[in-house]
Structure formats: structure tokens, C-alpha cells
ModelCIF file with pLDDT and N, C-alpha, C, O atoms, coordinates in Angstrom:
data_MODEL
#
_entry.id   MODEL 
#
_entity.id                         1 
_entity.type                       polymer 
_entity.pdbx_number_of_molecules   1 
#
_entity_poly.entity_id                      1 
_entity_poly.type                           'polypeptide(L)' 
_entity_poly.nstd_linkage                   no 
_entity_poly.nstd_monomer                   no 
_entity_poly.pdbx_seq_one_letter_code       
;(UNK)(UNK)(UNK)(UNK)(UNK)(UNK)(UNK)(UNK)(UNK)(UNK)(UNK)(UNK)(UNK)(UNK)(UNK)(UNK)
(UNK)(UNK)(UNK)(UNK)(UNK)(UNK)(UNK)(UNK)(UNK)(UNK)(UNK)(UNK)(UNK)(UNK)(UNK)(UNK)
(UNK)(UNK)(UNK)(UNK)(UNK)(UNK)(UNK)(UNK)(UNK)(UNK)(UNK)(UNK)(UNK)(UNK)(UNK)(UNK)
;
_entity_poly.pdbx_seq_one_letter_code_can   XXXXXXXXXXXXXXXXXXXXXXXXXXXXXXXXXXXXXXXXXXXXXXXX 
_entity_poly.pdbx_strand_id                 A 
#
loop_
_entity_poly_seq.entity_id 
_entity_poly_seq.num 
_entity_poly_seq.mon_id 
_entity_poly_seq.hetero 
1 1  UNK n 
1 2  UNK n 
1 3  UNK n 
1 4  UNK n 
1 5  UNK n 
1 6  UNK n 
1 7  UNK n 
1 8  UNK n 
1 9  UNK n 
1 10 UNK n 
1 11 UNK n 
1 12 UNK n 
1 13 UNK n 
1 14 UNK n 
1 15 UNK n 
1 16 UNK n 
1 17 UNK n 
1 18 UNK n 
1 19 UNK n 
1 20 UNK n 
1 21 UNK n 
1 22 UNK n 
1 23 UNK n 
1 24 UNK n 
1 25 UNK n 
1 26 UNK n 
1 27 UNK n 
1 28 UNK n 
1 29 UNK n 
1 30 UNK n 
1 31 UNK n 
1 32 UNK n 
1 33 UNK n 
1 34 UNK n 
1 35 UNK n 
1 36 UNK n 
1 37 UNK n 
1 38 UNK n 
1 39 UNK n 
1 40 UNK n 
1 41 UNK n 
1 42 UNK n 
1 43 UNK n 
1 44 UNK n 
1 45 UNK n 
1 46 UNK n 
1 47 UNK n 
1 48 UNK n 
#
_struct_asym.id          A 
_struct_asym.entity_id   1 
#
loop_
_ma_qa_metric.id 
_ma_qa_metric.mode 
_ma_qa_metric.name 
_ma_qa_metric.software_group_id 
_ma_qa_metric.type 
1 global pLDDT . pLDDT 
2 local  pLDDT . pLDDT 
#
_ma_qa_metric_global.metric_id      1 
_ma_qa_metric_global.metric_value   95.21 
_ma_qa_metric_global.model_id       1 
_ma_qa_metric_global.ordinal_id     1 
#
loop_
_ma_qa_metric_local.label_asym_id 
_ma_qa_metric_local.label_comp_id 
_ma_qa_metric_local.label_seq_id 
_ma_qa_metric_local.metric_id 
_ma_qa_metric_local.metric_value 
_ma_qa_metric_local.model_id 
_ma_qa_metric_local.ordinal_id 
A UNK 1  2 97.00 1 1  
A UNK 2  2 97.00 1 2  
A UNK 3  2 97.00 1 3  
A UNK 4  2 96.00 1 4  
A UNK 5  2 96.00 1 5  
A UNK 6  2 95.00 1 6  
A UNK 7  2 95.00 1 7  
A UNK 8  2 95.00 1 8  
A UNK 9  2 95.00 1 9  
A UNK 10 2 91.00 1 10 
A UNK 11 2 90.00 1 11 
A UNK 12 2 87.00 1 12 
A UNK 13 2 90.00 1 13 
A UNK 14 2 88.00 1 14 
A UNK 15 2 88.00 1 15 
A UNK 16 2 94.00 1 16 
A UNK 17 2 96.00 1 17 
A UNK 18 2 97.00 1 18 
A UNK 19 2 97.00 1 19 
A UNK 20 2 97.00 1 20 
A UNK 21 2 97.00 1 21 
A UNK 22 2 98.00 1 22 
A UNK 23 2 97.00 1 23 
A UNK 24 2 97.00 1 24 
A UNK 25 2 98.00 1 25 
A UNK 26 2 97.00 1 26 
A UNK 27 2 95.00 1 27 
A UNK 28 2 98.00 1 28 
A UNK 29 2 97.00 1 29 
A UNK 30 2 96.00 1 30 
A UNK 31 2 96.00 1 31 
A UNK 32 2 95.00 1 32 
A UNK 33 2 95.00 1 33 
A UNK 34 2 96.00 1 34 
A UNK 35 2 97.00 1 35 
A UNK 36 2 97.00 1 36 
A UNK 37 2 96.00 1 37 
A UNK 38 2 96.00 1 38 
A UNK 39 2 95.00 1 39 
A UNK 40 2 95.00 1 40 
A UNK 41 2 96.00 1 41 
A UNK 42 2 96.00 1 42 
A UNK 43 2 96.00 1 43 
A UNK 44 2 95.00 1 44 
A UNK 45 2 96.00 1 45 
A UNK 46 2 96.00 1 46 
A UNK 47 2 95.00 1 47 
A UNK 48 2 94.00 1 48 
#
loop_
_atom_site.group_PDB 
_atom_site.id 
_atom_site.type_symbol 
_atom_site.label_atom_id 
_atom_site.label_alt_id 
_atom_site.label_comp_id 
_atom_site.label_asym_id 
_atom_site.label_entity_id 
_atom_site.label_seq_id 
_atom_site.pdbx_PDB_ins_code 
_atom_site.Cartn_x 
_atom_site.Cartn_y 
_atom_site.Cartn_z 
_atom_site.occupancy 
_atom_site.B_iso_or_equiv 
_atom_site.pdbx_formal_charge 
_atom_site.auth_seq_id 
_atom_site.auth_comp_id 
_atom_site.auth_asym_id 
_atom_site.auth_atom_id 
_atom_site.pdbx_PDB_model_num 
ATOM 1   N N  . UNK A 1 1  ? 24.187  0.721   -3.881  1.00 97.00 ? 1  UNK A N  1 
ATOM 2   C CA . UNK A 1 1  ? 23.183  -0.287  -3.558  1.00 97.00 ? 1  UNK A CA 1 
ATOM 3   C C  . UNK A 1 1  ? 22.579  -0.884  -4.831  1.00 97.00 ? 1  UNK A C  1 
ATOM 4   O O  . UNK A 1 1  ? 22.366  -2.093  -4.917  1.00 97.00 ? 1  UNK A O  1 
ATOM 5   N N  . UNK A 1 2  ? 22.309  -0.037  -5.804  1.00 97.00 ? 2  UNK A N  1 
ATOM 6   C CA . UNK A 1 2  ? 21.698  -0.494  -7.055  1.00 97.00 ? 2  UNK A CA 1 
ATOM 7   C C  . UNK A 1 2  ? 22.635  -1.442  -7.799  1.00 97.00 ? 2  UNK A C  1 
ATOM 8   O O  . UNK A 1 2  ? 22.189  -2.450  -8.347  1.00 97.00 ? 2  UNK A O  1 
ATOM 9   N N  . UNK A 1 3  ? 23.918  -1.130  -7.822  1.00 97.00 ? 3  UNK A N  1 
ATOM 10  C CA . UNK A 1 3  ? 24.864  -1.996  -8.520  1.00 97.00 ? 3  UNK A CA 1 
ATOM 11  C C  . UNK A 1 3  ? 25.001  -3.350  -7.834  1.00 97.00 ? 3  UNK A C  1 
ATOM 12  O O  . UNK A 1 3  ? 25.223  -4.364  -8.496  1.00 97.00 ? 3  UNK A O  1 
ATOM 13  N N  . UNK A 1 4  ? 24.871  -3.368  -6.522  1.00 96.00 ? 4  UNK A N  1 
ATOM 14  C CA . UNK A 1 4  ? 24.909  -4.633  -5.789  1.00 96.00 ? 4  UNK A CA 1 
ATOM 15  C C  . UNK A 1 4  ? 23.638  -5.447  -6.037  1.00 96.00 ? 4  UNK A C  1 
ATOM 16  O O  . UNK A 1 4  ? 23.667  -6.677  -6.061  1.00 96.00 ? 4  UNK A O  1 
ATOM 17  N N  . UNK A 1 5  ? 22.542  -4.747  -6.217  1.00 96.00 ? 5  UNK A N  1 
ATOM 18  C CA . UNK A 1 5  ? 21.241  -5.400  -6.373  1.00 96.00 ? 5  UNK A CA 1 
ATOM 19  C C  . UNK A 1 5  ? 20.976  -5.864  -7.799  1.00 96.00 ? 5  UNK A C  1 
ATOM 20  O O  . UNK A 1 5  ? 20.282  -6.859  -8.011  1.00 96.00 ? 5  UNK A O  1 
ATOM 21  N N  . UNK A 1 6  ? 21.516  -5.162  -8.761  1.00 95.00 ? 6  UNK A N  1 
ATOM 22  C CA . UNK A 1 6  ? 21.186  -5.381  -10.165 1.00 95.00 ? 6  UNK A CA 1 
ATOM 23  C C  . UNK A 1 6  ? 21.320  -6.840  -10.623 1.00 95.00 ? 6  UNK A C  1 
ATOM 24  O O  . UNK A 1 6  ? 20.448  -7.318  -11.347 1.00 95.00 ? 6  UNK A O  1 
ATOM 25  N N  . UNK A 1 7  ? 22.384  -7.570  -10.229 1.00 95.00 ? 7  UNK A N  1 
ATOM 26  C CA . UNK A 1 7  ? 22.531  -8.957  -10.710 1.00 95.00 ? 7  UNK A CA 1 
ATOM 27  C C  . UNK A 1 7  ? 21.407  -9.892  -10.264 1.00 95.00 ? 7  UNK A C  1 
ATOM 28  O O  . UNK A 1 7  ? 21.240  -10.973 -10.829 1.00 95.00 ? 7  UNK A O  1 
ATOM 29  N N  . UNK A 1 8  ? 20.639  -9.484  -9.259  1.00 95.00 ? 8  UNK A N  1 
ATOM 30  C CA . UNK A 1 8  ? 19.588  -10.353 -8.722  1.00 95.00 ? 8  UNK A CA 1 
ATOM 31  C C  . UNK A 1 8  ? 18.206  -10.018 -9.277  1.00 95.00 ? 8  UNK A C  1 
ATOM 32  O O  . UNK A 1 8  ? 17.219  -10.652 -8.904  1.00 95.00 ? 8  UNK A O  1 
ATOM 33  N N  . UNK A 1 9  ? 18.128  -9.025  -10.167 1.00 95.00 ? 9  UNK A N  1 
ATOM 34  C CA . UNK A 1 9  ? 16.840  -8.632  -10.747 1.00 95.00 ? 9  UNK A CA 1 
ATOM 35  C C  . UNK A 1 9  ? 16.465  -9.620  -11.846 1.00 95.00 ? 9  UNK A C  1 
ATOM 36  O O  . UNK A 1 9  ? 17.245  -9.812  -12.779 1.00 95.00 ? 9  UNK A O  1 
ATOM 37  N N  . UNK A 1 10 ? 15.298  -10.251 -11.766 1.00 91.00 ? 10 UNK A N  1 
ATOM 38  C CA . UNK A 1 10 ? 14.886  -11.205 -12.809 1.00 91.00 ? 10 UNK A CA 1 
ATOM 39  C C  . UNK A 1 10 ? 14.798  -10.528 -14.174 1.00 91.00 ? 10 UNK A C  1 
ATOM 40  O O  . UNK A 1 10 ? 14.525  -9.331  -14.275 1.00 91.00 ? 10 UNK A O  1 
ATOM 41  N N  . UNK A 1 11 ? 15.029  -11.304 -15.200 1.00 90.00 ? 11 UNK A N  1 
ATOM 42  C CA . UNK A 1 11 ? 15.005  -10.756 -16.557 1.00 90.00 ? 11 UNK A CA 1 
ATOM 43  C C  . UNK A 1 11 ? 13.673  -10.090 -16.877 1.00 90.00 ? 11 UNK A C  1 
ATOM 44  O O  . UNK A 1 11 ? 13.643  -9.076  -17.574 1.00 90.00 ? 11 UNK A O  1 
ATOM 45  N N  . UNK A 1 12 ? 12.572  -10.645 -16.379 1.00 87.00 ? 12 UNK A N  1 
ATOM 46  C CA . UNK A 1 12 ? 11.257  -10.095 -16.669 1.00 87.00 ? 12 UNK A CA 1 
ATOM 47  C C  . UNK A 1 12 ? 11.062  -8.704  -16.069 1.00 87.00 ? 12 UNK A C  1 
ATOM 48  O O  . UNK A 1 12 ? 10.176  -7.962  -16.492 1.00 87.00 ? 12 UNK A O  1 
ATOM 49  N N  . UNK A 1 13 ? 11.894  -8.348  -15.077 1.00 90.00 ? 13 UNK A N  1 
ATOM 50  C CA . UNK A 1 13 ? 11.793  -7.034  -14.440 1.00 90.00 ? 13 UNK A CA 1 
ATOM 51  C C  . UNK A 1 13 ? 12.874  -6.077  -14.941 1.00 90.00 ? 13 UNK A C  1 
ATOM 52  O O  . UNK A 1 13 ? 13.131  -5.045  -14.321 1.00 90.00 ? 13 UNK A O  1 
ATOM 53  N N  . UNK A 1 14 ? 13.501  -6.421  -16.057 1.00 88.00 ? 14 UNK A N  1 
ATOM 54  C CA . UNK A 1 14 ? 14.634  -5.644  -16.542 1.00 88.00 ? 14 UNK A CA 1 
ATOM 55  C C  . UNK A 1 14 ? 14.311  -4.225  -16.946 1.00 88.00 ? 14 UNK A C  1 
ATOM 56  O O  . UNK A 1 14 ? 15.208  -3.383  -17.001 1.00 88.00 ? 14 UNK A O  1 
ATOM 57  N N  . UNK A 1 15 ? 13.026  -3.930  -17.237 1.00 88.00 ? 15 UNK A N  1 
ATOM 58  C CA . UNK A 1 15 ? 12.685  -2.572  -17.669 1.00 88.00 ? 15 UNK A CA 1 
ATOM 59  C C  . UNK A 1 15 ? 12.384  -1.635  -16.506 1.00 88.00 ? 15 UNK A C  1 
ATOM 60  O O  . UNK A 1 15 ? 12.058  -0.467  -16.721 1.00 88.00 ? 15 UNK A O  1 
ATOM 61  N N  . UNK A 1 16 ? 12.492  -2.137  -15.271 1.00 94.00 ? 16 UNK A N  1 
ATOM 62  C CA . UNK A 1 16 ? 12.243  -1.290  -14.104 1.00 94.00 ? 16 UNK A CA 1 
ATOM 63  C C  . UNK A 1 16 ? 13.451  -0.388  -13.851 1.00 94.00 ? 16 UNK A C  1 
ATOM 64  O O  . UNK A 1 16 ? 14.587  -0.861  -13.813 1.00 94.00 ? 16 UNK A O  1 
ATOM 65  N N  . UNK A 1 17 ? 13.206  0.894   -13.682 1.00 96.00 ? 17 UNK A N  1 
ATOM 66  C CA . UNK A 1 17 ? 14.254  1.861   -13.362 1.00 96.00 ? 17 UNK A CA 1 
ATOM 67  C C  . UNK A 1 17 ? 14.599  1.692   -11.877 1.00 96.00 ? 17 UNK A C  1 
ATOM 68  O O  . UNK A 1 17 ? 13.839  2.111   -11.004 1.00 96.00 ? 17 UNK A O  1 
ATOM 69  N N  . UNK A 1 18 ? 15.744  1.079   -11.606 1.00 97.00 ? 18 UNK A N  1 
ATOM 70  C CA . UNK A 1 18 ? 16.098  0.763   -10.220 1.00 97.00 ? 18 UNK A CA 1 
ATOM 71  C C  . UNK A 1 18 ? 16.355  2.013   -9.383  1.00 97.00 ? 18 UNK A C  1 
ATOM 72  O O  . UNK A 1 18 ? 16.138  2.004   -8.171  1.00 97.00 ? 18 UNK A O  1 
ATOM 73  N N  . UNK A 1 19 ? 16.810  3.074   -10.015 1.00 97.00 ? 19 UNK A N  1 
ATOM 74  C CA . UNK A 1 19 ? 17.024  4.322   -9.279  1.00 97.00 ? 19 UNK A CA 1 
ATOM 75  C C  . UNK A 1 19 ? 15.697  4.859   -8.752  1.00 97.00 ? 19 UNK A C  1 
ATOM 76  O O  . UNK A 1 19 ? 15.603  5.270   -7.595  1.00 97.00 ? 19 UNK A O  1 
ATOM 77  N N  . UNK A 1 20 ? 14.672  4.855   -9.607  1.00 97.00 ? 20 UNK A N  1 
ATOM 78  C CA . UNK A 1 20 ? 13.351  5.311   -9.180  1.00 97.00 ? 20 UNK A CA 1 
ATOM 79  C C  . UNK A 1 20 ? 12.740  4.349   -8.155  1.00 97.00 ? 20 UNK A C  1 
ATOM 80  O O  . UNK A 1 20 ? 12.095  4.776   -7.198  1.00 97.00 ? 20 UNK A O  1 
ATOM 81  N N  . UNK A 1 21 ? 12.950  3.056   -8.368  1.00 97.00 ? 21 UNK A N  1 
ATOM 82  C CA . UNK A 1 21 ? 12.389  2.066   -7.452  1.00 97.00 ? 21 UNK A CA 1 
ATOM 83  C C  . UNK A 1 21 ? 12.983  2.212   -6.056  1.00 97.00 ? 21 UNK A C  1 
ATOM 84  O O  . UNK A 1 21 ? 12.259  2.150   -5.063  1.00 97.00 ? 21 UNK A O  1 
ATOM 85  N N  . UNK A 1 22 ? 14.291  2.404   -5.977  1.00 98.00 ? 22 UNK A N  1 
ATOM 86  C CA . UNK A 1 22 ? 14.931  2.568   -4.669  1.00 98.00 ? 22 UNK A CA 1 
ATOM 87  C C  . UNK A 1 22 ? 14.517  3.882   -4.025  1.00 98.00 ? 22 UNK A C  1 
ATOM 88  O O  . UNK A 1 22 ? 14.302  3.938   -2.814  1.00 98.00 ? 22 UNK A O  1 
ATOM 89  N N  . UNK A 1 23 ? 14.404  4.933   -4.818  1.00 97.00 ? 23 UNK A N  1 
ATOM 90  C CA . UNK A 1 23 ? 13.988  6.225   -4.269  1.00 97.00 ? 23 UNK A CA 1 
ATOM 91  C C  . UNK A 1 23 ? 12.583  6.124   -3.668  1.00 97.00 ? 23 UNK A C  1 
ATOM 92  O O  . UNK A 1 23 ? 12.322  6.649   -2.586  1.00 97.00 ? 23 UNK A O  1 
ATOM 93  N N  . UNK A 1 24 ? 11.690  5.447   -4.379  1.00 97.00 ? 24 UNK A N  1 
ATOM 94  C CA . UNK A 1 24 ? 10.322  5.283   -3.885  1.00 97.00 ? 24 UNK A CA 1 
ATOM 95  C C  . UNK A 1 24 ? 10.289  4.402   -2.639  1.00 97.00 ? 24 UNK A C  1 
ATOM 96  O O  . UNK A 1 24 ? 9.472   4.619   -1.743  1.00 97.00 ? 24 UNK A O  1 
ATOM 97  N N  . UNK A 1 25 ? 11.172  3.413   -2.583  1.00 98.00 ? 25 UNK A N  1 
ATOM 98  C CA . UNK A 1 25 ? 11.216  2.496   -1.442  1.00 98.00 ? 25 UNK A CA 1 
ATOM 99  C C  . UNK A 1 25 ? 11.867  3.136   -0.222  1.00 98.00 ? 25 UNK A C  1 
ATOM 100 O O  . UNK A 1 25 ? 11.332  3.077   0.885   1.00 98.00 ? 25 UNK A O  1 
ATOM 101 N N  . UNK A 1 26 ? 13.033  3.752   -0.439  1.00 97.00 ? 26 UNK A N  1 
ATOM 102 C CA . UNK A 1 26 ? 13.815  4.254   0.696   1.00 97.00 ? 26 UNK A CA 1 
ATOM 103 C C  . UNK A 1 26 ? 13.117  5.392   1.425   1.00 97.00 ? 26 UNK A C  1 
ATOM 104 O O  . UNK A 1 26 ? 13.401  5.647   2.595   1.00 97.00 ? 26 UNK A O  1 
ATOM 105 N N  . UNK A 1 27 ? 12.203  6.080   0.739   1.00 95.00 ? 27 UNK A N  1 
ATOM 106 C CA . UNK A 1 27 ? 11.449  7.141   1.407   1.00 95.00 ? 27 UNK A CA 1 
ATOM 107 C C  . UNK A 1 27 ? 10.595  6.579   2.538   1.00 95.00 ? 27 UNK A C  1 
ATOM 108 O O  . UNK A 1 27 ? 10.200  7.308   3.448   1.00 95.00 ? 27 UNK A O  1 
ATOM 109 N N  . UNK A 1 28 ? 10.309  5.270   2.477   1.00 98.00 ? 28 UNK A N  1 
ATOM 110 C CA . UNK A 1 28 ? 9.472   4.636   3.500   1.00 98.00 ? 28 UNK A CA 1 
ATOM 111 C C  . UNK A 1 28 ? 10.262  3.730   4.448   1.00 98.00 ? 28 UNK A C  1 
ATOM 112 O O  . UNK A 1 28 ? 9.676   3.062   5.301   1.00 98.00 ? 28 UNK A O  1 
ATOM 113 N N  . UNK A 1 29 ? 11.591  3.707   4.301   1.00 97.00 ? 29 UNK A N  1 
ATOM 114 C CA . UNK A 1 29 ? 12.415  2.849   5.165   1.00 97.00 ? 29 UNK A CA 1 
ATOM 115 C C  . UNK A 1 29 ? 12.419  3.306   6.617   1.00 97.00 ? 29 UNK A C  1 
ATOM 116 O O  . UNK A 1 29 ? 12.592  2.498   7.529   1.00 97.00 ? 29 UNK A O  1 
ATOM 117 N N  . UNK A 1 30 ? 12.226  4.613   6.830   1.00 96.00 ? 30 UNK A N  1 
ATOM 118 C CA . UNK A 1 30 ? 12.427  5.150   8.162   1.00 96.00 ? 30 UNK A CA 1 
ATOM 119 C C  . UNK A 1 30 ? 13.884  5.515   8.368   1.00 96.00 ? 30 UNK A C  1 
ATOM 120 O O  . UNK A 1 30 ? 14.635  5.639   7.401   1.00 96.00 ? 30 UNK A O  1 
ATOM 121 N N  . UNK A 1 31 ? 14.295  5.690   9.624   1.00 96.00 ? 31 UNK A N  1 
ATOM 122 C CA . UNK A 1 31 ? 15.671  6.057   9.926   1.00 96.00 ? 31 UNK A CA 1 
ATOM 123 C C  . UNK A 1 31 ? 16.225  5.116   10.989  1.00 96.00 ? 31 UNK A C  1 
ATOM 124 O O  . UNK A 1 31 ? 15.635  4.071   11.265  1.00 96.00 ? 31 UNK A O  1 
ATOM 125 N N  . UNK A 1 32 ? 17.342  5.481   11.578  1.00 95.00 ? 32 UNK A N  1 
ATOM 126 C CA . UNK A 1 32 ? 17.979  4.587   12.555  1.00 95.00 ? 32 UNK A CA 1 
ATOM 127 C C  . UNK A 1 32 ? 17.110  4.349   13.789  1.00 95.00 ? 32 UNK A C  1 
ATOM 128 O O  . UNK A 1 32 ? 17.325  3.389   14.530  1.00 95.00 ? 32 UNK A O  1 
ATOM 129 N N  . UNK A 1 33 ? 16.131  5.225   14.005  1.00 95.00 ? 33 UNK A N  1 
ATOM 130 C CA . UNK A 1 33 ? 15.255  5.065   15.167  1.00 95.00 ? 33 UNK A CA 1 
ATOM 131 C C  . UNK A 1 33 ? 13.941  4.360   14.806  1.00 95.00 ? 33 UNK A C  1 
ATOM 132 O O  . UNK A 1 33 ? 13.306  3.747   15.664  1.00 95.00 ? 33 UNK A O  1 
ATOM 133 N N  . UNK A 1 34 ? 13.545  4.452   13.547  1.00 96.00 ? 34 UNK A N  1 
ATOM 134 C CA . UNK A 1 34 ? 12.219  3.942   13.185  1.00 96.00 ? 34 UNK A CA 1 
ATOM 135 C C  . UNK A 1 34 ? 12.240  2.738   12.245  1.00 96.00 ? 34 UNK A C  1 
ATOM 136 O O  . UNK A 1 34 ? 11.203  2.100   12.063  1.00 96.00 ? 34 UNK A O  1 
ATOM 137 N N  . UNK A 1 35 ? 13.392  2.403   11.636  1.00 97.00 ? 35 UNK A N  1 
ATOM 138 C CA . UNK A 1 35 ? 13.406  1.273   10.704  1.00 97.00 ? 35 UNK A CA 1 
ATOM 139 C C  . UNK A 1 35 ? 12.891  0.006   11.399  1.00 97.00 ? 35 UNK A C  1 
ATOM 140 O O  . UNK A 1 35 ? 13.303  -0.316  12.514  1.00 97.00 ? 35 UNK A O  1 
ATOM 141 N N  . UNK A 1 36 ? 12.013  -0.680  10.742  1.00 97.00 ? 36 UNK A N  1 
ATOM 142 C CA . UNK A 1 36 ? 11.510  -1.959  11.251  1.00 97.00 ? 36 UNK A CA 1 
ATOM 143 C C  . UNK A 1 36 ? 10.406  -1.862  12.280  1.00 97.00 ? 36 UNK A C  1 
ATOM 144 O O  . UNK A 1 36 ? 9.770   -2.866  12.599  1.00 97.00 ? 36 UNK A O  1 
ATOM 145 N N  . UNK A 1 37 ? 10.165  -0.668  12.809  1.00 96.00 ? 37 UNK A N  1 
ATOM 146 C CA . UNK A 1 37 ? 9.203   -0.529  13.897  1.00 96.00 ? 37 UNK A CA 1 
ATOM 147 C C  . UNK A 1 37 ? 7.779   -0.807  13.431  1.00 96.00 ? 37 UNK A C  1 
ATOM 148 O O  . UNK A 1 37 ? 7.415   -0.507  12.294  1.00 96.00 ? 37 UNK A O  1 
ATOM 149 N N  . UNK A 1 38 ? 6.983   -1.382  14.320  1.00 96.00 ? 38 UNK A N  1 
ATOM 150 C CA . UNK A 1 38 ? 5.579   -1.676  14.044  1.00 96.00 ? 38 UNK A CA 1 
ATOM 151 C C  . UNK A 1 38 ? 4.730   -1.135  15.183  1.00 96.00 ? 38 UNK A C  1 
ATOM 152 O O  . UNK A 1 38 ? 4.985   -1.432  16.350  1.00 96.00 ? 38 UNK A O  1 
ATOM 153 N N  . UNK A 1 39 ? 3.737   -0.354  14.852  1.00 95.00 ? 39 UNK A N  1 
ATOM 154 C CA . UNK A 1 39 ? 2.855   0.249   15.845  1.00 95.00 ? 39 UNK A CA 1 
ATOM 155 C C  . UNK A 1 39 ? 1.754   -0.719  16.258  1.00 95.00 ? 39 UNK A C  1 
ATOM 156 O O  . UNK A 1 39 ? 1.051   -1.269  15.411  1.00 95.00 ? 39 UNK A O  1 
ATOM 157 N N  . UNK A 1 40 ? 1.610   -0.920  17.546  1.00 95.00 ? 40 UNK A N  1 
ATOM 158 C CA . UNK A 1 40 ? 0.535   -1.771  18.059  1.00 95.00 ? 40 UNK A CA 1 
ATOM 159 C C  . UNK A 1 40 ? -0.816  -1.210  17.639  1.00 95.00 ? 40 UNK A C  1 
ATOM 160 O O  . UNK A 1 40 ? -1.729  -1.962  17.301  1.00 95.00 ? 40 UNK A O  1 
ATOM 161 N N  . UNK A 1 41 ? -0.941  0.131   17.663  1.00 96.00 ? 41 UNK A N  1 
ATOM 162 C CA . UNK A 1 41 ? -2.206  0.778   17.320  1.00 96.00 ? 41 UNK A CA 1 
ATOM 163 C C  . UNK A 1 41 ? -2.574  0.539   15.852  1.00 96.00 ? 41 UNK A C  1 
ATOM 164 O O  . UNK A 1 41 ? -3.738  0.298   15.531  1.00 96.00 ? 41 UNK A O  1 
ATOM 165 N N  . UNK A 1 42 ? -1.575  0.608   14.965  1.00 96.00 ? 42 UNK A N  1 
ATOM 166 C CA . UNK A 1 42 ? -1.823  0.389   13.531  1.00 96.00 ? 42 UNK A CA 1 
ATOM 167 C C  . UNK A 1 42 ? -2.304  -1.032  13.276  1.00 96.00 ? 42 UNK A C  1 
ATOM 168 O O  . UNK A 1 42 ? -3.264  -1.251  12.537  1.00 96.00 ? 42 UNK A O  1 
ATOM 169 N N  . UNK A 1 43 ? -1.626  -1.996  13.894  1.00 96.00 ? 43 UNK A N  1 
ATOM 170 C CA . UNK A 1 43 ? -2.002  -3.400  13.696  1.00 96.00 ? 43 UNK A CA 1 
ATOM 171 C C  . UNK A 1 43 ? -3.368  -3.678  14.319  1.00 96.00 ? 43 UNK A C  1 
ATOM 172 O O  . UNK A 1 43 ? -4.178  -4.400  13.738  1.00 96.00 ? 43 UNK A O  1 
ATOM 173 N N  . UNK A 1 44 ? -3.626  -3.113  15.494  1.00 95.00 ? 44 UNK A N  1 
ATOM 174 C CA . UNK A 1 44 ? -4.918  -3.326  16.154  1.00 95.00 ? 44 UNK A CA 1 
ATOM 175 C C  . UNK A 1 44 ? -6.065  -2.755  15.327  1.00 95.00 ? 44 UNK A C  1 
ATOM 176 O O  . UNK A 1 44 ? -7.126  -3.372  15.228  1.00 95.00 ? 44 UNK A O  1 
ATOM 177 N N  . UNK A 1 45 ? -5.860  -1.584  14.734  1.00 96.00 ? 45 UNK A N  1 
ATOM 178 C CA . UNK A 1 45 ? -6.904  -0.981  13.907  1.00 96.00 ? 45 UNK A CA 1 
ATOM 179 C C  . UNK A 1 45 ? -7.227  -1.871  12.709  1.00 96.00 ? 45 UNK A C  1 
ATOM 180 O O  . UNK A 1 45 ? -8.392  -2.026  12.344  1.00 96.00 ? 45 UNK A O  1 
ATOM 181 N N  . UNK A 1 46 ? -6.205  -2.449  12.104  1.00 96.00 ? 46 UNK A N  1 
ATOM 182 C CA . UNK A 1 46 ? -6.420  -3.349  10.972  1.00 96.00 ? 46 UNK A CA 1 
ATOM 183 C C  . UNK A 1 46 ? -7.140  -4.616  11.421  1.00 96.00 ? 46 UNK A C  1 
ATOM 184 O O  . UNK A 1 46 ? -8.040  -5.093  10.731  1.00 96.00 ? 46 UNK A O  1 
ATOM 185 N N  . UNK A 1 47 ? -6.751  -5.163  12.570  1.00 95.00 ? 47 UNK A N  1 
ATOM 186 C CA . UNK A 1 47 ? -7.433  -6.334  13.126  1.00 95.00 ? 47 UNK A CA 1 
ATOM 187 C C  . UNK A 1 47 ? -8.909  -6.040  13.364  1.00 95.00 ? 47 UNK A C  1 
ATOM 188 O O  . UNK A 1 47 ? -9.777  -6.838  13.010  1.00 95.00 ? 47 UNK A O  1 
ATOM 189 N N  . UNK A 1 48 ? -9.184  -4.887  13.969  1.00 94.00 ? 48 UNK A N  1 
ATOM 190 C CA . UNK A 1 48 ? -10.563 -4.498  14.242  1.00 94.00 ? 48 UNK A CA 1 
ATOM 191 C C  . UNK A 1 48 ? -11.367 -4.412  12.945  1.00 94.00 ? 48 UNK A C  1 
ATOM 192 O O  . UNK A 1 48 ? -12.556 -4.096  12.976  1.00 94.00 ? 48 UNK A O  1 
#
């Protein structure tokens, strides 16, 4: 994934460790059951 993504990283972001960035991101992706899901309760609490 990192090798596919690397060509699209702006020059100004070149010092970012993509391995660490993906690790930090993917921990919050969820799984095949939860990816993309949005809780009505979470959004309602923020609205309130």
C-alpha cells in the first residue's frame, strides 16, 4: 500500500514516515463489518 501511495505524497510531506502513518491510520479503519460505519448516537451527541 505504501509503495502505491508514495508517488502521490507532496514534496512538502516527504519527511513523513509512511509506515508509521499507515500504522496509526489503519488502527482506526475498523474491519469488514465496521469500516465506514457511523453511529447515530455519536453524531447526535456532537449535534447536541
